[in-house]
Amino acid sequence: MQTISRRTFLTGAAATPLLAACGNGIGSGGGDDLDRRADAALADLYSRYPGTADLRDRSVGQLVMPLVTQAGAFLAGGAYGRGVLRVGGVSVDYYSAARAGFGPQLGAQQYSHVLFFMTPEALAEFRTSQGYTAGAGLTYVAGTEGETFRADTDTVLNPVIAVVFGQAGLIVGATLEGTKYTRIIP
């Protein structure tokens, strides 16, 4: 018989309501539902931050993650979401994004993000990988509510640019470093 320590039980009990309260598309209606969510997320992004339309126009593809849920309790946490890869405005593949984290953390948040692939090589590397992991070299376009996202000449020369937006919750900030993207069948 396997016993569970009090600490393990309390950690699981604390994390369960955080994750249960966050709907992130698990069990959704498949590709059509992900496409609708991606359309809504992109419309929100381009209306709030019109400067990001320039990234769209210069990119060769976009991975749209309309909703990612991140939660942590005590020393462990993680994030999960599902989205769609678009090339030429057409949905070509569907992906999940997952990340685990260890260290002091408590709370939950939801956010959207888009990866803009600025070169055909970056897009090809993403599509042919067995599981693409966002690294420390990922370039973020910064902006806050009420101001436009800024993408200068140096930024748009980077192969992959990330825009994180629509954050809501109790954890401050969102990073994509260590997030693994895996092709799925919705």
C-alpha atoms as a PDB file:
ATOM      1  CA  MET A   1       0.000   0.000   0.000  1.00  0.00           C
ATOM      2  CA  GLN A   2       1.339   3.415  -0.960  1.00  0.00           C
ATOM      3  CA  THR A   3       0.924   6.275   1.480  1.00  0.00           C
ATOM      4  CA  ILE A   4       0.639   9.945   0.593  1.00  0.00           C
ATOM      5  CA  SER A   5       2.339  12.516   2.764  1.00  0.00           C
ATOM      6  CA  ARG A   6       0.378  15.369   4.282  1.00  0.00           C
ATOM      7  CA  ARG A   7       2.449  17.869   2.227  1.00  0.00           C
ATOM      8  CA  THR A   8       1.655  16.075  -1.058  1.00  0.00           C
ATOM      9  CA  PHE A   9      -2.034  15.931  -0.185  1.00  0.00           C
ATOM     10  CA  LEU A  10      -2.212  19.608   0.765  1.00  0.00           C
ATOM     11  CA  THR A  11      -0.329  20.674  -2.390  1.00  0.00           C
ATOM     12  CA  GLY A  12      -2.739  18.720  -4.579  1.00  0.00           C
ATOM     13  CA  ALA A  13      -5.755  19.997  -2.678  1.00  0.00           C
ATOM     14  CA  ALA A  14      -4.608  23.606  -3.059  1.00  0.00           C
ATOM     15  CA  ALA A  15      -3.904  23.275  -6.789  1.00  0.00           C
ATOM     16  CA  THR A  16      -7.144  21.488  -7.709  1.00  0.00           C
ATOM     17  CA  PRO A  17      -9.516  24.475  -7.334  1.00  0.00           C
ATOM     18  CA  LEU A  18      -7.078  26.725  -9.179  1.00  0.00           C
ATOM     19  CA  LEU A  19      -6.938  24.427 -12.180  1.00  0.00           C
ATOM     20  CA  ALA A  20     -10.631  23.511 -12.073  1.00  0.00           C
ATOM     21  CA  ALA A  21     -11.623  27.164 -12.263  1.00  0.00           C
ATOM     22  CA  CYS A  22      -9.682  27.760 -15.459  1.00  0.00           C
ATOM     23  CA  GLY A  23     -11.246  26.684 -18.740  1.00  0.00           C
ATOM     24  CA  ASN A  24      -8.494  26.399 -21.333  1.00  0.00           C
ATOM     25  CA  GLY A  25     -10.109  24.441 -24.120  1.00  0.00           C
ATOM     26  CA  ILE A  26      -9.622  20.943 -22.767  1.00  0.00           C
ATOM     27  CA  GLY A  27     -12.545  18.931 -24.054  1.00  0.00           C
ATOM     28  CA  SER A  28     -13.518  21.622 -26.547  1.00  0.00           C
ATOM     29  CA  GLY A  29     -15.313  21.109 -29.851  1.00  0.00           C
ATOM     30  CA  GLY A  30     -12.144  20.491 -31.855  1.00  0.00           C
ATOM     31  CA  GLY A  31     -10.575  22.471 -34.674  1.00  0.00           C
ATOM     32  CA  ASP A  32     -13.575  24.658 -35.424  1.00  0.00           C
ATOM     33  CA  ASP A  33     -13.707  25.806 -31.800  1.00  0.00           C
ATOM     34  CA  LEU A  34      -9.962  26.535 -31.756  1.00  0.00           C
ATOM     35  CA  ASP A  35     -10.293  28.497 -35.008  1.00  0.00           C
ATOM     36  CA  ARG A  36     -13.118  30.614 -33.523  1.00  0.00           C
ATOM     37  CA  ARG A  37     -11.101  31.266 -30.370  1.00  0.00           C
ATOM     38  CA  ALA A  38      -8.023  32.187 -32.428  1.00  0.00           C
ATOM     39  CA  ASP A  39     -10.087  34.587 -34.562  1.00  0.00           C
ATOM     40  CA  ALA A  40     -11.400  36.304 -31.423  1.00  0.00           C
ATOM     41  CA  ALA A  41      -7.916  36.514 -29.855  1.00  0.00           C
ATOM     42  CA  LEU A  42      -6.412  38.010 -33.019  1.00  0.00           C
ATOM     43  CA  ALA A  43      -9.262  40.528 -33.346  1.00  0.00           C
ATOM     44  CA  ASP A  44      -8.637  41.561 -29.726  1.00  0.00           C
ATOM     45  CA  LEU A  45      -4.869  41.826 -30.290  1.00  0.00           C
ATOM     46  CA  TYR A  46      -5.128  43.913 -33.463  1.00  0.00           C
ATOM     47  CA  SER A  47      -7.811  46.223 -32.027  1.00  0.00           C
ATOM     48  CA  ARG A  48      -5.969  46.853 -28.739  1.00  0.00           C
ATOM     49  CA  TYR A  49      -2.509  47.050 -30.291  1.00  0.00           C
ATOM     50  CA  PRO A  50      -2.765  48.119 -33.956  1.00  0.00           C
ATOM     51  CA  GLY A  51       1.033  48.042 -34.329  1.00  0.00           C
ATOM     52  CA  THR A  52       0.962  44.251 -34.206  1.00  0.00           C
ATOM     53  CA  ALA A  53      -0.741  44.156 -37.609  1.00  0.00           C
ATOM     54  CA  ASP A  54       2.677  45.077 -39.048  1.00  0.00           C
ATOM     55  CA  LEU A  55       4.107  41.894 -37.493  1.00  0.00           C
ATOM     56  CA  ARG A  56       1.282  39.890 -39.044  1.00  0.00           C
ATOM     57  CA  ASP A  57       1.946  41.403 -42.457  1.00  0.00           C
ATOM     58  CA  ARG A  58       5.703  40.732 -42.279  1.00  0.00           C
ATOM     59  CA  SER A  59       5.481  37.227 -40.844  1.00  0.00           C
ATOM     60  CA  VAL A  60       5.287  33.980 -42.803  1.00  0.00           C
ATOM     61  CA  GLY A  61       3.095  32.313 -40.179  1.00  0.00           C
ATOM     62  CA  GLN A  62       1.572  32.758 -36.732  1.00  0.00           C
ATOM     63  CA  LEU A  63       0.938  30.334 -33.902  1.00  0.00           C
ATOM     64  CA  VAL A  64      -2.128  31.684 -32.082  1.00  0.00           C
ATOM     65  CA  MET A  65      -2.668  30.441 -28.534  1.00  0.00           C
ATOM     66  CA  PRO A  66      -5.996  32.062 -27.606  1.00  0.00           C
ATOM     67  CA  LEU A  67      -6.012  30.911 -23.988  1.00  0.00           C
ATOM     68  CA  VAL A  68      -3.229  29.547 -21.810  1.00  0.00           C
ATOM     69  CA  THR A  69      -3.914  28.762 -18.166  1.00  0.00           C
ATOM     70  CA  GLN A  70      -1.066  28.927 -15.663  1.00  0.00           C
ATOM     71  CA  ALA A  71      -1.406  27.847 -12.041  1.00  0.00           C
ATOM     72  CA  GLY A  72       0.954  27.178  -9.181  1.00  0.00           C
ATOM     73  CA  ALA A  73       0.743  26.077  -5.602  1.00  0.00           C
ATOM     74  CA  PHE A  74       3.682  26.049  -3.206  1.00  0.00           C
ATOM     75  CA  LEU A  75       6.675  24.623  -5.090  1.00  0.00           C
ATOM     76  CA  ALA A  76       5.117  23.382  -8.334  1.00  0.00           C
ATOM     77  CA  GLY A  77       3.037  24.767 -11.140  1.00  0.00           C
ATOM     78  CA  GLY A  78       2.391  24.575 -14.821  1.00  0.00           C
ATOM     79  CA  ALA A  79       0.666  26.026 -17.840  1.00  0.00           C
ATOM     80  CA  TYR A  80      -1.409  24.534 -20.642  1.00  0.00           C
ATOM     81  CA  GLY A  81      -3.303  25.749 -23.668  1.00  0.00           C
ATOM     82  CA  ARG A  82      -4.210  24.833 -27.227  1.00  0.00           C
ATOM     83  CA  GLY A  83      -4.013  26.835 -30.412  1.00  0.00           C
ATOM     84  CA  VAL A  84      -3.682  26.950 -34.163  1.00  0.00           C
ATOM     85  CA  LEU A  85      -0.858  27.545 -36.633  1.00  0.00           C
ATOM     86  CA  ARG A  86      -1.835  29.814 -39.485  1.00  0.00           C
ATOM     87  CA  VAL A  87       0.091  30.271 -42.711  1.00  0.00           C
ATOM     88  CA  GLY A  88      -1.249  32.764 -45.222  1.00  0.00           C
ATOM     89  CA  GLY A  89      -4.312  33.263 -43.021  1.00  0.00           C
ATOM     90  CA  VAL A  90      -5.229  29.556 -43.264  1.00  0.00           C
ATOM     91  CA  SER A  91      -5.223  27.105 -40.343  1.00  0.00           C
ATOM     92  CA  VAL A  92      -2.704  24.373 -41.174  1.00  0.00           C
ATOM     93  CA  ASP A  93      -2.061  22.603 -37.835  1.00  0.00           C
ATOM     94  CA  TYR A  94      -3.170  22.583 -34.225  1.00  0.00           C
ATOM     95  CA  TYR A  95      -0.823  22.637 -31.237  1.00  0.00           C
ATOM     96  CA  SER A  96      -0.774  22.327 -27.473  1.00  0.00           C
ATOM     97  CA  ALA A  97       1.503  24.411 -25.279  1.00  0.00           C
ATOM     98  CA  ALA A  98       2.651  22.969 -21.956  1.00  0.00           C
ATOM     99  CA  ARG A  99       5.133  24.100 -19.354  1.00  0.00           C
ATOM    100  CA  ALA A 100       6.034  22.880 -15.867  1.00  0.00           C
ATOM    101  CA  GLY A 101       7.643  25.073 -13.256  1.00  0.00           C
ATOM    102  CA  PHE A 102       9.279  24.426  -9.920  1.00  0.00           C
ATOM    103  CA  GLY A 103      10.010  26.919  -7.185  1.00  0.00           C
ATOM    104  CA  PRO A 104       7.947  29.212  -4.981  1.00  0.00           C
ATOM    105  CA  GLN A 105       4.706  30.138  -6.764  1.00  0.00           C
ATOM    106  CA  LEU A 106       1.097  30.579  -5.820  1.00  0.00           C
ATOM    107  CA  GLY A 107      -1.832  31.716  -7.883  1.00  0.00           C
ATOM    108  CA  ALA A 108      -3.319  31.388 -11.331  1.00  0.00           C
ATOM    109  CA  GLN A 109      -3.588  33.449 -14.483  1.00  0.00           C
ATOM    110  CA  GLN A 110      -4.778  33.170 -18.042  1.00  0.00           C
ATOM    111  CA  TYR A 111      -3.295  34.872 -21.068  1.00  0.00           C
ATOM    112  CA  SER A 112      -3.112  34.721 -24.837  1.00  0.00           C
ATOM    113  CA  HIS A 113      -0.028  34.752 -26.990  1.00  0.00           C
ATOM    114  CA  VAL A 114       1.000  34.707 -30.615  1.00  0.00           C
ATOM    115  CA  LEU A 115       4.319  33.532 -32.018  1.00  0.00           C
ATOM    116  CA  PHE A 116       5.105  35.386 -35.241  1.00  0.00           C
ATOM    117  CA  PHE A 117       7.475  33.418 -37.491  1.00  0.00           C
ATOM    118  CA  MET A 118       9.429  36.031 -39.407  1.00  0.00           C
ATOM    119  CA  THR A 119      11.458  33.702 -41.662  1.00  0.00           C
ATOM    120  CA  PRO A 120      10.540  30.609 -43.673  1.00  0.00           C
ATOM    121  CA  GLU A 121      13.390  28.764 -41.923  1.00  0.00           C
ATOM    122  CA  ALA A 122      11.984  29.479 -38.443  1.00  0.00           C
ATOM    123  CA  LEU A 123       8.542  28.312 -39.535  1.00  0.00           C
ATOM    124  CA  ALA A 124       9.967  25.160 -41.134  1.00  0.00           C
ATOM    125  CA  GLU A 125      11.979  24.367 -37.977  1.00  0.00           C
ATOM    126  CA  PHE A 126       8.836  24.760 -35.867  1.00  0.00           C
ATOM    127  CA  ARG A 127       6.703  22.570 -38.137  1.00  0.00           C
ATOM    128  CA  THR A 128       9.239  19.756 -38.501  1.00  0.00           C
ATOM    129  CA  SER A 129      10.282  19.526 -34.840  1.00  0.00           C
ATOM    130  CA  GLN A 130       9.010  16.676 -32.695  1.00  0.00           C
ATOM    131  CA  GLY A 131       8.241  19.207 -29.985  1.00  0.00           C
ATOM    132  CA  TYR A 132       9.395  22.800 -30.295  1.00  0.00           C
ATOM    133  CA  THR A 133      10.536  24.362 -27.026  1.00  0.00           C
ATOM    134  CA  ALA A 134      10.581  28.127 -26.645  1.00  0.00           C
ATOM    135  CA  GLY A 135      14.036  29.141 -25.506  1.00  0.00           C
ATOM    136  CA  ALA A 136      15.617  32.105 -23.814  1.00  0.00           C
ATOM    137  CA  GLY A 137      16.362  33.612 -27.253  1.00  0.00           C
ATOM    138  CA  LEU A 138      12.683  34.185 -27.992  1.00  0.00           C
ATOM    139  CA  THR A 139      12.130  37.893 -28.691  1.00  0.00           C
ATOM    140  CA  TYR A 140       9.195  39.561 -26.944  1.00  0.00           C
ATOM    141  CA  VAL A 141       7.451  42.668 -28.212  1.00  0.00           C
ATOM    142  CA  ALA A 142       6.659  44.760 -25.151  1.00  0.00           C
ATOM    143  CA  GLY A 143       3.613  46.825 -24.417  1.00  0.00           C
ATOM    144  CA  THR A 144       1.183  47.620 -21.657  1.00  0.00           C
ATOM    145  CA  GLU A 145      -2.521  48.293 -21.626  1.00  0.00           C
ATOM    146  CA  GLY A 146      -3.250  51.593 -23.328  1.00  0.00           C
ATOM    147  CA  GLU A 147      -0.019  51.780 -25.298  1.00  0.00           C
ATOM    148  CA  THR A 148       0.962  50.208 -28.557  1.00  0.00           C
ATOM    149  CA  PHE A 149       3.273  47.256 -28.833  1.00  0.00           C
ATOM    150  CA  ARG A 150       6.594  48.344 -30.197  1.00  0.00           C
ATOM    151  CA  ALA A 151       8.424  46.384 -32.868  1.00  0.00           C
ATOM    152  CA  ASP A 152      11.497  48.199 -34.069  1.00  0.00           C
ATOM    153  CA  THR A 153      13.705  47.289 -37.030  1.00  0.00           C
ATOM    154  CA  ASP A 154      15.964  45.089 -34.883  1.00  0.00           C
ATOM    155  CA  THR A 155      12.976  43.209 -33.479  1.00  0.00           C
ATOM    156  CA  VAL A 156      11.440  42.294 -36.831  1.00  0.00           C
ATOM    157  CA  LEU A 157      14.772  40.830 -37.963  1.00  0.00           C
ATOM    158  CA  ASN A 158      14.511  38.114 -35.295  1.00  0.00           C
ATOM    159  CA  PRO A 159      13.239  34.738 -36.528  1.00  0.00           C
ATOM    160  CA  VAL A 160      10.455  34.304 -33.920  1.00  0.00           C
ATOM    161  CA  ILE A 161       8.675  37.117 -32.081  1.00  0.00           C
ATOM    162  CA  ALA A 162       6.285  36.523 -29.171  1.00  0.00           C
ATOM    163  CA  VAL A 163       3.435  38.801 -28.149  1.00  0.00           C
ATOM    164  CA  VAL A 164       1.773  37.998 -24.811  1.00  0.00           C
ATOM    165  CA  PHE A 165      -1.508  39.828 -24.149  1.00  0.00           C
ATOM    166  CA  GLY A 166      -4.848  39.648 -22.364  1.00  0.00           C
ATOM    167  CA  GLN A 167      -3.367  38.660 -19.009  1.00  0.00           C
ATOM    168  CA  ALA A 168      -5.787  38.168 -16.149  1.00  0.00           C
ATOM    169  CA  GLY A 169      -5.163  36.560 -12.797  1.00  0.00           C
ATOM    170  CA  LEU A 170      -3.043  36.590  -9.697  1.00  0.00           C
ATOM    171  CA  ILE A 171       0.423  35.776 -11.062  1.00  0.00           C
ATOM    172  CA  VAL A 172       2.331  38.777 -12.364  1.00  0.00           C
ATOM    173  CA  GLY A 173       3.984  38.404 -15.764  1.00  0.00           C
ATOM    174  CA  ALA A 174       4.019  35.598 -18.267  1.00  0.00           C
ATOM    175  CA  THR A 175       7.001  34.007 -19.888  1.00  0.00           C
ATOM    176  CA  LEU A 176       7.039  31.438 -22.641  1.00  0.00           C
ATOM    177  CA  GLU A 177      10.553  30.201 -21.905  1.00  0.00           C
ATOM    178  CA  GLY A 178      10.483  26.445 -21.482  1.00  0.00           C
ATOM    179  CA  THR A 179       7.048  26.102 -23.087  1.00  0.00           C
ATOM    180  CA  LYS A 180       6.864  23.025 -25.300  1.00  0.00           C
ATOM    181  CA  TYR A 181       4.639  23.159 -28.372  1.00  0.00           C
ATOM    182  CA  THR A 182       3.399  19.826 -29.709  1.00  0.00           C
ATOM    183  CA  ARG A 183       1.226  19.151 -32.763  1.00  0.00           C
ATOM    184  CA  ILE A 184      -2.173  17.713 -31.812  1.00  0.00           C
ATOM    185  CA  ILE A 185      -5.331  16.476 -33.460  1.00  0.00           C
ATOM    186  CA  PRO A 186      -8.129  18.572 -31.949  1.00  0.00           C
END
